[in-house]
Amino acid sequence: MATAGEWIEGARLRTLPAAVAPVAVGTGAAAELGSASGVRALLAAGVALALQVGVNYANDYSDGVRGTDVDRVGPMRLTASGAARPGQVKAAAFASFGVAAVLGLALVALSGHWWLLAVGALSVLAAWFYTGGRRPYGYRGLGEVGVFVFFGLVAVLGTTYTQADTVSWPAVVGAVAVGLLACALLMVNNLRDIPTDVVAGKRTLAVRLGDHRSRRVYAVLVTAPVVLGTLCALANPWAALTLLLGLPAGLLAGTVLLGARGRLLRPVLAGTGMLELAFGLVLGLGLAI
């Protein structure tokens, strides 16, 4: 029987900034349009956080039952370690998806845009089939595509749209930037796991690109958003504050380019998550001021 601490570790809290950042940017873009709503922003954040936790438990379950997580350098896996039964982890994933669905229904009801229920359903399906099902797209090198679309474009633009009934070009630019950072988070995680993923037959984008090219792609993914964020200064000069994040982005890119691997990538993974959170808060605030 897994302890409460093990369940919390299985939720992978370090990945949660990927859920908060797009809501911050989307709300900032809505404020720039004069239509921010605190209640709708909180509901959007709840949806994003519940989906992220659901994805983490779903990955734990699916990778565990496939045997992909037998030898991993990263955090403890509930299923592979035997700390929790596979059915329990699967139930936790679907419970998280259920929470996201309830909060999403409330958000849609407030906004009046009922067609967004279809987008929510697609988000849940994308979360499950990343590593679940008979042909998971995460095992075919398409994980970054799913992350970019759902934790970048959908999350940011959906947040803005449910508050302002429209989207703006800063929202689109911010969505692309956040999506790239979310991809950077996944890339460095998969870069660390290349040796074990190759053995397990998991063909992530990092596996397909190889170690050297994956490091260069990560460097682009983690630095390009700083440039994109500054473009939003054309809408609000305060958005230029994202330039302050150029130094930490450069340090993370440099660490990876210099060859950090294995356990040495753990702080890079945590740092990438914190960079995404900081970017979301700084750009969101910059657009809202």
C-alpha atoms as a PDB file:
ATOM      1  CA  MET A   1       0.000   0.000   0.000  1.00  0.00           C
ATOM      2  CA  ALA A   2       1.509   3.313  -1.109  1.00  0.00           C
ATOM      3  CA  THR A   3       1.894   6.033   1.506  1.00  0.00           C
ATOM      4  CA  ALA A   4       0.481   9.529   1.105  1.00  0.00           C
ATOM      5  CA  GLY A   5       3.988  10.789   0.424  1.00  0.00           C
ATOM      6  CA  GLU A   6       4.447   8.241  -2.363  1.00  0.00           C
ATOM      7  CA  TRP A   7       1.147   9.248  -3.969  1.00  0.00           C
ATOM      8  CA  ILE A   8       2.261  12.890  -3.840  1.00  0.00           C
ATOM      9  CA  GLU A   9       5.597  11.957  -5.386  1.00  0.00           C
ATOM     10  CA  GLY A  10       3.741   9.968  -8.037  1.00  0.00           C
ATOM     11  CA  ALA A  11       1.787  13.115  -8.933  1.00  0.00           C
ATOM     12  CA  ARG A  12       5.145  14.652  -9.933  1.00  0.00           C
ATOM     13  CA  LEU A  13       4.690  18.108  -8.486  1.00  0.00           C
ATOM     14  CA  ARG A  14       7.661  19.442 -10.457  1.00  0.00           C
ATOM     15  CA  THR A  15       5.563  19.225 -13.619  1.00  0.00           C
ATOM     16  CA  LEU A  16       2.700  21.344 -12.271  1.00  0.00           C
ATOM     17  CA  PRO A  17       4.173  24.676 -13.422  1.00  0.00           C
ATOM     18  CA  ALA A  18       3.310  23.445 -16.929  1.00  0.00           C
ATOM     19  CA  ALA A  19      -0.336  23.716 -15.870  1.00  0.00           C
ATOM     20  CA  VAL A  20      -0.200  27.085 -14.086  1.00  0.00           C
ATOM     21  CA  ALA A  21       1.897  29.028 -16.622  1.00  0.00           C
ATOM     22  CA  PRO A  22      -0.585  28.925 -19.540  1.00  0.00           C
ATOM     23  CA  VAL A  23      -3.437  30.056 -17.309  1.00  0.00           C
ATOM     24  CA  ALA A  24      -1.352  33.006 -16.094  1.00  0.00           C
ATOM     25  CA  VAL A  25      -0.537  34.060 -19.650  1.00  0.00           C
ATOM     26  CA  GLY A  26      -4.105  33.535 -20.855  1.00  0.00           C
ATOM     27  CA  THR A  27      -5.508  35.572 -17.979  1.00  0.00           C
ATOM     28  CA  GLY A  28      -2.973  38.331 -18.593  1.00  0.00           C
ATOM     29  CA  ALA A  29      -4.018  38.443 -22.241  1.00  0.00           C
ATOM     30  CA  ALA A  30      -7.667  38.640 -21.173  1.00  0.00           C
ATOM     31  CA  ALA A  31      -6.802  41.519 -18.818  1.00  0.00           C
ATOM     32  CA  GLU A  32      -5.028  43.293 -21.681  1.00  0.00           C
ATOM     33  CA  LEU A  33      -8.357  43.036 -23.516  1.00  0.00           C
ATOM     34  CA  GLY A  34     -10.143  44.436 -20.439  1.00  0.00           C
ATOM     35  CA  SER A  35     -12.025  41.234 -19.616  1.00  0.00           C
ATOM     36  CA  ALA A  36     -10.149  39.286 -16.929  1.00  0.00           C
ATOM     37  CA  SER A  37     -12.185  37.174 -14.489  1.00  0.00           C
ATOM     38  CA  GLY A  38     -10.683  35.826 -11.269  1.00  0.00           C
ATOM     39  CA  VAL A  39     -13.293  33.073 -10.904  1.00  0.00           C
ATOM     40  CA  ARG A  40     -12.840  31.806 -14.457  1.00  0.00           C
ATOM     41  CA  ALA A  41      -9.055  31.991 -14.110  1.00  0.00           C
ATOM     42  CA  LEU A  42      -9.202  29.831 -10.968  1.00  0.00           C
ATOM     43  CA  LEU A  43     -11.460  27.316 -12.704  1.00  0.00           C
ATOM     44  CA  ALA A  44      -9.089  27.184 -15.680  1.00  0.00           C
ATOM     45  CA  ALA A  45      -6.165  26.646 -13.309  1.00  0.00           C
ATOM     46  CA  GLY A  46      -8.054  23.843 -11.592  1.00  0.00           C
ATOM     47  CA  VAL A  47      -8.758  22.150 -14.928  1.00  0.00           C
ATOM     48  CA  ALA A  48      -5.121  22.426 -16.007  1.00  0.00           C
ATOM     49  CA  LEU A  49      -3.734  21.154 -12.694  1.00  0.00           C
ATOM     50  CA  ALA A  50      -6.141  18.210 -12.553  1.00  0.00           C
ATOM     51  CA  LEU A  51      -5.282  17.272 -16.146  1.00  0.00           C
ATOM     52  CA  GLN A  52      -1.549  17.443 -15.409  1.00  0.00           C
ATOM     53  CA  VAL A  53      -1.874  15.214 -12.350  1.00  0.00           C
ATOM     54  CA  GLY A  54      -4.077  12.859 -14.362  1.00  0.00           C
ATOM     55  CA  VAL A  55      -1.453  12.671 -17.115  1.00  0.00           C
ATOM     56  CA  ASN A  56       1.235  11.883 -14.562  1.00  0.00           C
ATOM     57  CA  TYR A  57      -0.728   9.058 -12.975  1.00  0.00           C
ATOM     58  CA  ALA A  58      -1.800   7.762 -16.397  1.00  0.00           C
ATOM     59  CA  ASN A  59       1.832   7.674 -17.547  1.00  0.00           C
ATOM     60  CA  ASP A  60       2.826   5.920 -14.325  1.00  0.00           C
ATOM     61  CA  TYR A  61       0.174   3.266 -14.915  1.00  0.00           C
ATOM     62  CA  SER A  62       0.710   2.748 -18.650  1.00  0.00           C
ATOM     63  CA  ASP A  63       4.516   2.748 -18.517  1.00  0.00           C
ATOM     64  CA  GLY A  64       4.408   0.516 -15.458  1.00  0.00           C
ATOM     65  CA  VAL A  65       2.239  -2.211 -16.963  1.00  0.00           C
ATOM     66  CA  ARG A  66       4.349  -2.152 -20.151  1.00  0.00           C
ATOM     67  CA  GLY A  67       7.567  -2.555 -18.161  1.00  0.00           C
ATOM     68  CA  THR A  68       9.014   0.709 -19.477  1.00  0.00           C
ATOM     69  CA  ASP A  69       9.694   2.029 -15.966  1.00  0.00           C
ATOM     70  CA  VAL A  70      11.705  -0.920 -14.645  1.00  0.00           C
ATOM     71  CA  ASP A  71      15.031   0.975 -14.699  1.00  0.00           C
ATOM     72  CA  ARG A  72      14.486   4.720 -14.461  1.00  0.00           C
ATOM     73  CA  VAL A  73      16.661   7.520 -13.104  1.00  0.00           C
ATOM     74  CA  GLY A  74      13.731   9.838 -12.387  1.00  0.00           C
ATOM     75  CA  PRO A  75      11.230   9.964  -9.518  1.00  0.00           C
ATOM     76  CA  MET A  76       9.692   6.862  -7.975  1.00  0.00           C
ATOM     77  CA  ARG A  77       6.983   5.201 -10.049  1.00  0.00           C
ATOM     78  CA  LEU A  78       4.032   3.827  -8.142  1.00  0.00           C
ATOM     79  CA  THR A  79       3.220   1.012 -10.559  1.00  0.00           C
ATOM     80  CA  ALA A  80       6.706  -0.142 -11.522  1.00  0.00           C
ATOM     81  CA  SER A  81       7.944  -0.070  -7.915  1.00  0.00           C
ATOM     82  CA  GLY A  82       4.982  -2.101  -6.687  1.00  0.00           C
ATOM     83  CA  ALA A  83       4.090   0.587  -4.143  1.00  0.00           C
ATOM     84  CA  ALA A  84       0.542   0.669  -5.540  1.00  0.00           C
ATOM     85  CA  ARG A  85      -1.474  -1.787  -7.590  1.00  0.00           C
ATOM     86  CA  PRO A  86      -1.898  -0.850 -11.279  1.00  0.00           C
ATOM     87  CA  GLY A  87      -5.663  -0.578 -10.863  1.00  0.00           C
ATOM     88  CA  GLN A  88      -5.231   1.937  -8.044  1.00  0.00           C
ATOM     89  CA  VAL A  89      -2.958   4.149 -10.143  1.00  0.00           C
ATOM     90  CA  LYS A  90      -5.335   3.923 -13.101  1.00  0.00           C
ATOM     91  CA  ALA A  91      -8.225   4.889 -10.815  1.00  0.00           C
ATOM     92  CA  ALA A  92      -6.239   7.891  -9.540  1.00  0.00           C
ATOM     93  CA  ALA A  93      -5.676   9.004 -13.132  1.00  0.00           C
ATOM     94  CA  PHE A  94      -9.347   8.798 -14.019  1.00  0.00           C
ATOM     95  CA  ALA A  95     -10.340  10.489 -10.755  1.00  0.00           C
ATOM     96  CA  SER A  96      -8.083  13.404 -11.709  1.00  0.00           C
ATOM     97  CA  PHE A  97      -9.624  13.519 -15.175  1.00  0.00           C
ATOM     98  CA  GLY A  98     -13.042  13.539 -13.514  1.00  0.00           C
ATOM     99  CA  VAL A  99     -12.108  16.554 -11.397  1.00  0.00           C
ATOM    100  CA  ALA A 100     -10.886  18.315 -14.544  1.00  0.00           C
ATOM    101  CA  ALA A 101     -14.171  17.494 -16.290  1.00  0.00           C
ATOM    102  CA  VAL A 102     -16.330  18.891 -13.453  1.00  0.00           C
ATOM    103  CA  LEU A 103     -14.318  22.108 -13.220  1.00  0.00           C
ATOM    104  CA  GLY A 104     -14.288  22.405 -17.012  1.00  0.00           C
ATOM    105  CA  LEU A 105     -18.061  22.027 -17.141  1.00  0.00           C
ATOM    106  CA  ALA A 106     -18.410  24.860 -14.612  1.00  0.00           C
ATOM    107  CA  LEU A 107     -16.051  27.044 -16.656  1.00  0.00           C
ATOM    108  CA  VAL A 108     -17.936  26.362 -19.885  1.00  0.00           C
ATOM    109  CA  ALA A 109     -21.258  27.084 -18.194  1.00  0.00           C
ATOM    110  CA  LEU A 110     -19.978  30.459 -16.987  1.00  0.00           C
ATOM    111  CA  SER A 111     -18.542  31.386 -20.368  1.00  0.00           C
ATOM    112  CA  GLY A 112     -21.517  30.106 -22.355  1.00  0.00           C
ATOM    113  CA  HIS A 113     -19.289  28.555 -25.033  1.00  0.00           C
ATOM    114  CA  TRP A 114     -20.608  25.002 -24.914  1.00  0.00           C
ATOM    115  CA  TRP A 115     -18.593  23.863 -27.926  1.00  0.00           C
ATOM    116  CA  LEU A 116     -15.537  23.973 -25.660  1.00  0.00           C
ATOM    117  CA  LEU A 117     -16.781  20.737 -24.074  1.00  0.00           C
ATOM    118  CA  ALA A 118     -15.496  18.981 -27.203  1.00  0.00           C
ATOM    119  CA  VAL A 119     -12.096  20.587 -26.693  1.00  0.00           C
ATOM    120  CA  GLY A 120     -12.101  19.384 -23.102  1.00  0.00           C
ATOM    121  CA  ALA A 121     -12.943  15.847 -24.186  1.00  0.00           C
ATOM    122  CA  LEU A 122     -10.089  15.900 -26.699  1.00  0.00           C
ATOM    123  CA  SER A 123      -7.743  17.110 -23.943  1.00  0.00           C
ATOM    124  CA  VAL A 124      -8.632  14.135 -21.741  1.00  0.00           C
ATOM    125  CA  LEU A 125      -8.221  11.706 -24.640  1.00  0.00           C
ATOM    126  CA  ALA A 126      -4.841  13.225 -25.478  1.00  0.00           C
ATOM    127  CA  ALA A 127      -3.796  12.906 -21.838  1.00  0.00           C
ATOM    128  CA  TRP A 128      -4.699   9.205 -21.703  1.00  0.00           C
ATOM    129  CA  PHE A 129      -3.380   8.107 -25.096  1.00  0.00           C
ATOM    130  CA  TYR A 130      -0.005   9.808 -24.604  1.00  0.00           C
ATOM    131  CA  THR A 131       1.216   6.527 -23.094  1.00  0.00           C
ATOM    132  CA  GLY A 132      -2.085   4.612 -22.860  1.00  0.00           C
ATOM    133  CA  GLY A 133      -3.951   2.464 -25.329  1.00  0.00           C
ATOM    134  CA  ARG A 134      -2.574   0.018 -27.876  1.00  0.00           C
ATOM    135  CA  ARG A 135      -0.630   2.600 -29.906  1.00  0.00           C
ATOM    136  CA  PRO A 136       0.355   5.501 -27.603  1.00  0.00           C
ATOM    137  CA  TYR A 137       1.534   8.532 -29.546  1.00  0.00           C
ATOM    138  CA  GLY A 138       4.160   9.336 -26.915  1.00  0.00           C
ATOM    139  CA  TYR A 139       5.946   6.115 -27.899  1.00  0.00           C
ATOM    140  CA  ARG A 140       6.063   7.270 -31.524  1.00  0.00           C
ATOM    141  CA  GLY A 141       7.881  10.576 -31.025  1.00  0.00           C
ATOM    142  CA  LEU A 142       4.734  12.715 -31.023  1.00  0.00           C
ATOM    143  CA  GLY A 143       4.643  13.624 -27.330  1.00  0.00           C
ATOM    144  CA  GLU A 144       5.941  17.131 -27.913  1.00  0.00           C
ATOM    145  CA  VAL A 145       3.188  17.739 -30.471  1.00  0.00           C
ATOM    146  CA  GLY A 146       0.508  16.846 -27.928  1.00  0.00           C
ATOM    147  CA  VAL A 147       2.146  18.928 -25.198  1.00  0.00           C
ATOM    148  CA  PHE A 148       2.530  21.958 -27.490  1.00  0.00           C
ATOM    149  CA  VAL A 149      -1.090  21.807 -28.614  1.00  0.00           C
ATOM    150  CA  PHE A 150      -2.823  21.086 -25.305  1.00  0.00           C
ATOM    151  CA  PHE A 151      -0.502  22.644 -22.688  1.00  0.00           C
ATOM    152  CA  GLY A 152       0.374  25.562 -24.941  1.00  0.00           C
ATOM    153  CA  LEU A 153      -2.194  26.605 -27.533  1.00  0.00           C
ATOM    154  CA  VAL A 154      -5.363  25.127 -26.006  1.00  0.00           C
ATOM    155  CA  ALA A 155      -4.543  26.053 -22.404  1.00  0.00           C
ATOM    156  CA  VAL A 156      -3.544  29.685 -23.072  1.00  0.00           C
ATOM    157  CA  LEU A 157      -6.087  30.511 -25.767  1.00  0.00           C
ATOM    158  CA  GLY A 158      -8.850  28.632 -23.976  1.00  0.00           C
ATOM    159  CA  THR A 159      -8.180  30.632 -20.810  1.00  0.00           C
ATOM    160  CA  THR A 160      -8.296  33.910 -22.721  1.00  0.00           C
ATOM    161  CA  TYR A 161     -11.381  32.964 -24.717  1.00  0.00           C
ATOM    162  CA  THR A 162     -13.447  31.864 -21.708  1.00  0.00           C
ATOM    163  CA  GLN A 163     -12.801  35.257 -20.099  1.00  0.00           C
ATOM    164  CA  ALA A 164     -12.782  37.681 -23.040  1.00  0.00           C
ATOM    165  CA  ASP A 165     -14.910  35.841 -25.657  1.00  0.00           C
ATOM    166  CA  THR A 166     -12.078  36.410 -28.126  1.00  0.00           C
ATOM    167  CA  VAL A 167      -8.308  36.003 -28.449  1.00  0.00           C
ATOM    168  CA  SER A 168      -5.628  38.539 -29.310  1.00  0.00           C
ATOM    169  CA  TRP A 169      -2.281  38.291 -31.062  1.00  0.00           C
ATOM    170  CA  PRO A 170      -0.360  38.591 -27.730  1.00  0.00           C
ATOM    171  CA  ALA A 171      -2.385  35.594 -26.513  1.00  0.00           C
ATOM    172  CA  VAL A 172      -1.334  33.617 -29.593  1.00  0.00           C
ATOM    173  CA  VAL A 173       2.334  34.590 -29.215  1.00  0.00           C
ATOM    174  CA  GLY A 174       2.187  33.775 -25.508  1.00  0.00           C
ATOM    175  CA  ALA A 175       0.546  30.426 -26.265  1.00  0.00           C
ATOM    176  CA  VAL A 176       3.341  29.487 -28.665  1.00  0.00           C
ATOM    177  CA  ALA A 177       5.985  30.537 -26.108  1.00  0.00           C
ATOM    178  CA  VAL A 178       4.399  28.548 -23.278  1.00  0.00           C
ATOM    179  CA  GLY A 179       3.968  25.564 -25.584  1.00  0.00           C
ATOM    180  CA  LEU A 180       7.678  25.619 -26.414  1.00  0.00           C
ATOM    181  CA  LEU A 181       8.594  25.688 -22.728  1.00  0.00           C
ATOM    182  CA  ALA A 182       6.262  22.770 -22.055  1.00  0.00           C
ATOM    183  CA  CYS A 183       8.029  20.901 -24.855  1.00  0.00           C
ATOM    184  CA  ALA A 184      11.393  21.783 -23.298  1.00  0.00           C
ATOM    185  CA  LEU A 185      10.213  20.228 -20.035  1.00  0.00           C
ATOM    186  CA  LEU A 186       9.261  17.018 -21.823  1.00  0.00           C
ATOM    187  CA  MET A 187      12.427  17.023 -23.941  1.00  0.00           C
ATOM    188  CA  VAL A 188      14.821  17.204 -20.981  1.00  0.00           C
ATOM    189  CA  ASN A 189      12.834  14.498 -19.202  1.00  0.00           C
ATOM    190  CA  ASN A 190      13.080  12.225 -22.251  1.00  0.00           C
ATOM    191  CA  LEU A 191      16.724  13.167 -22.814  1.00  0.00           C
ATOM    192  CA  ARG A 192      17.494  11.785 -19.363  1.00  0.00           C
ATOM    193  CA  ASP A 193      15.599   8.582 -20.186  1.00  0.00           C
ATOM    194  CA  ILE A 194      17.101   7.863 -23.628  1.00  0.00           C
ATOM    195  CA  PRO A 195      19.157   4.826 -22.474  1.00  0.00           C
ATOM    196  CA  THR A 196      16.220   3.079 -20.799  1.00  0.00           C
ATOM    197  CA  ASP A 197      13.664   4.127 -23.422  1.00  0.00           C
ATOM    198  CA  VAL A 198      15.791   2.600 -26.184  1.00  0.00           C
ATOM    199  CA  VAL A 199      15.863  -0.716 -24.338  1.00  0.00           C
ATOM    200  CA  ALA A 200      12.109  -0.567 -23.664  1.00  0.00           C
ATOM    201  CA  GLY A 201      11.286   0.280 -27.284  1.00  0.00           C
ATOM    202  CA  LYS A 202       9.872   3.702 -26.407  1.00  0.00           C
ATOM    203  CA  ARG A 203      10.631   5.877 -29.447  1.00  0.00           C
ATOM    204  CA  THR A 204      10.297   9.356 -27.983  1.00  0.00           C
ATOM    205  CA  LEU A 205      11.425  12.360 -30.004  1.00  0.00           C
ATOM    206  CA  ALA A 206      14.636  12.412 -27.950  1.00  0.00           C
ATOM    207  CA  VAL A 207      15.307   8.788 -28.884  1.00  0.00           C
ATOM    208  CA  ARG A 208      14.635   9.507 -32.558  1.00  0.00           C
ATOM    209  CA  LEU A 209      16.852  12.599 -32.602  1.00  0.00           C
ATOM    210  CA  GLY A 210      19.630  11.108 -30.518  1.00  0.00           C
ATOM    211  CA  ASP A 211      21.458  12.619 -27.556  1.00  0.00           C
ATOM    212  CA  HIS A 212      23.397  15.354 -29.361  1.00  0.00           C
ATOM    213  CA  ARG A 213      20.566  16.786 -31.454  1.00  0.00           C
ATOM    214  CA  SER A 214      18.106  16.537 -28.555  1.00  0.00           C
ATOM    215  CA  ARG A 215      20.365  18.797 -26.512  1.00  0.00           C
ATOM    216  CA  ARG A 216      20.400  21.421 -29.239  1.00  0.00           C
ATOM    217  CA  VAL A 217      16.629  21.228 -29.662  1.00  0.00           C
ATOM    218  CA  TYR A 218      16.199  21.684 -25.903  1.00  0.00           C
ATOM    219  CA  ALA A 219      18.403  24.797 -26.008  1.00  0.00           C
ATOM    220  CA  VAL A 220      16.167  26.322 -28.691  1.00  0.00           C
ATOM    221  CA  LEU A 221      12.958  25.354 -26.901  1.00  0.00           C
ATOM    222  CA  VAL A 222      14.064  26.934 -23.632  1.00  0.00           C
ATOM    223  CA  THR A 223      15.460  30.206 -25.048  1.00  0.00           C
ATOM    224  CA  ALA A 224      13.109  31.051 -27.952  1.00  0.00           C
ATOM    225  CA  PRO A 225      10.162  31.840 -25.613  1.00  0.00           C
ATOM    226  CA  VAL A 226      12.125  34.728 -24.070  1.00  0.00           C
ATOM    227  CA  VAL A 227      12.334  36.334 -27.514  1.00  0.00           C
ATOM    228  CA  LEU A 228       8.656  35.668 -28.201  1.00  0.00           C
ATOM    229  CA  GLY A 229       7.701  37.153 -24.834  1.00  0.00           C
ATOM    230  CA  THR A 230       9.442  40.415 -25.650  1.00  0.00           C
ATOM    231  CA  LEU A 231       7.413  40.707 -28.865  1.00  0.00           C
ATOM    232  CA  CYS A 232       4.366  41.169 -26.653  1.00  0.00           C
ATOM    233  CA  ALA A 233       5.917  44.449 -25.518  1.00  0.00           C
ATOM    234  CA  LEU A 234       4.433  45.868 -28.726  1.00  0.00           C
ATOM    235  CA  ALA A 235       1.040  45.442 -27.034  1.00  0.00           C
ATOM    236  CA  ASN A 236       2.191  46.363 -23.520  1.00  0.00           C
ATOM    237  CA  PRO A 237       5.741  47.614 -22.755  1.00  0.00           C
ATOM    238  CA  TRP A 238       5.704  45.774 -19.398  1.00  0.00           C
ATOM    239  CA  ALA A 239       5.838  42.467 -21.271  1.00  0.00           C
ATOM    240  CA  ALA A 240       9.502  43.266 -21.946  1.00  0.00           C
ATOM    241  CA  LEU A 241      10.143  42.077 -18.376  1.00  0.00           C
ATOM    242  CA  THR A 242      10.412  38.579 -19.851  1.00  0.00           C
ATOM    243  CA  LEU A 243      13.934  39.598 -20.948  1.00  0.00           C
ATOM    244  CA  LEU A 244      14.946  39.125 -17.295  1.00  0.00           C
ATOM    245  CA  LEU A 245      14.440  35.397 -17.808  1.00  0.00           C
ATOM    246  CA  GLY A 246      17.093  35.271 -20.514  1.00  0.00           C
ATOM    247  CA  LEU A 247      19.857  34.518 -17.994  1.00  0.00           C
ATOM    248  CA  PRO A 248      18.228  31.494 -16.314  1.00  0.00           C
ATOM    249  CA  ALA A 249      17.133  30.191 -19.730  1.00  0.00           C
ATOM    250  CA  GLY A 250      20.705  30.519 -20.966  1.00  0.00           C
ATOM    251  CA  LEU A 251      22.094  28.739 -17.901  1.00  0.00           C
ATOM    252  CA  LEU A 252      19.707  25.822 -18.378  1.00  0.00           C
ATOM    253  CA  ALA A 253      20.549  25.583 -22.076  1.00  0.00           C
ATOM    254  CA  GLY A 254      24.268  25.755 -21.314  1.00  0.00           C
ATOM    255  CA  THR A 255      24.069  23.005 -18.705  1.00  0.00           C
ATOM    256  CA  VAL A 256      22.403  20.669 -21.181  1.00  0.00           C
ATOM    257  CA  LEU A 257      24.696  21.608 -24.081  1.00  0.00           C
ATOM    258  CA  LEU A 258      27.745  20.927 -21.901  1.00  0.00           C
ATOM    259  CA  GLY A 259      26.637  17.322 -21.502  1.00  0.00           C
ATOM    260  CA  ALA A 260      24.814  16.913 -18.185  1.00  0.00           C
ATOM    261  CA  ARG A 261      23.164  13.506 -18.110  1.00  0.00           C
ATOM    262  CA  GLY A 262      21.431  11.053 -15.803  1.00  0.00           C
ATOM    263  CA  ARG A 263      20.865  12.358 -12.296  1.00  0.00           C
ATOM    264  CA  LEU A 264      22.609  15.623 -13.203  1.00  0.00           C
ATOM    265  CA  LEU A 265      19.585  16.459 -15.363  1.00  0.00           C
ATOM    266  CA  ARG A 266      17.222  16.395 -12.376  1.00  0.00           C
ATOM    267  CA  PRO A 267      17.971  20.035 -11.411  1.00  0.00           C
ATOM    268  CA  VAL A 268      17.623  20.994 -15.069  1.00  0.00           C
ATOM    269  CA  LEU A 269      14.183  19.379 -15.137  1.00  0.00           C
ATOM    270  CA  ALA A 270      13.158  21.242 -11.991  1.00  0.00           C
ATOM    271  CA  GLY A 271      14.693  24.464 -13.299  1.00  0.00           C
ATOM    272  CA  THR A 272      12.834  24.183 -16.597  1.00  0.00           C
ATOM    273  CA  GLY A 273       9.554  23.807 -14.721  1.00  0.00           C
ATOM    274  CA  MET A 274      10.310  26.859 -12.592  1.00  0.00           C
ATOM    275  CA  LEU A 275      11.344  28.829 -15.681  1.00  0.00           C
ATOM    276  CA  GLU A 276       8.019  28.037 -17.316  1.00  0.00           C
ATOM    277  CA  LEU A 277       6.160  29.123 -14.185  1.00  0.00           C
ATOM    278  CA  ALA A 278       8.191  32.342 -13.926  1.00  0.00           C
ATOM    279  CA  PHE A 279       7.643  33.052 -17.633  1.00  0.00           C
ATOM    280  CA  GLY A 280       3.887  32.584 -17.300  1.00  0.00           C
ATOM    281  CA  LEU A 281       3.657  34.844 -14.246  1.00  0.00           C
ATOM    282  CA  VAL A 282       5.952  37.561 -15.664  1.00  0.00           C
ATOM    283  CA  LEU A 283       4.334  37.677 -19.102  1.00  0.00           C
ATOM    284  CA  GLY A 284       0.831  37.420 -17.639  1.00  0.00           C
ATOM    285  CA  LEU A 285       1.539  40.287 -15.262  1.00  0.00           C
ATOM    286  CA  GLY A 286       3.242  42.280 -17.994  1.00  0.00           C
ATOM    287  CA  LEU A 287       0.171  42.037 -20.208  1.00  0.00           C
ATOM    288  CA  ALA A 288      -2.229  42.754 -17.358  1.00  0.00           C
ATOM    289  CA  ILE A 289      -0.570  45.923 -15.987  1.00  0.00           C
END
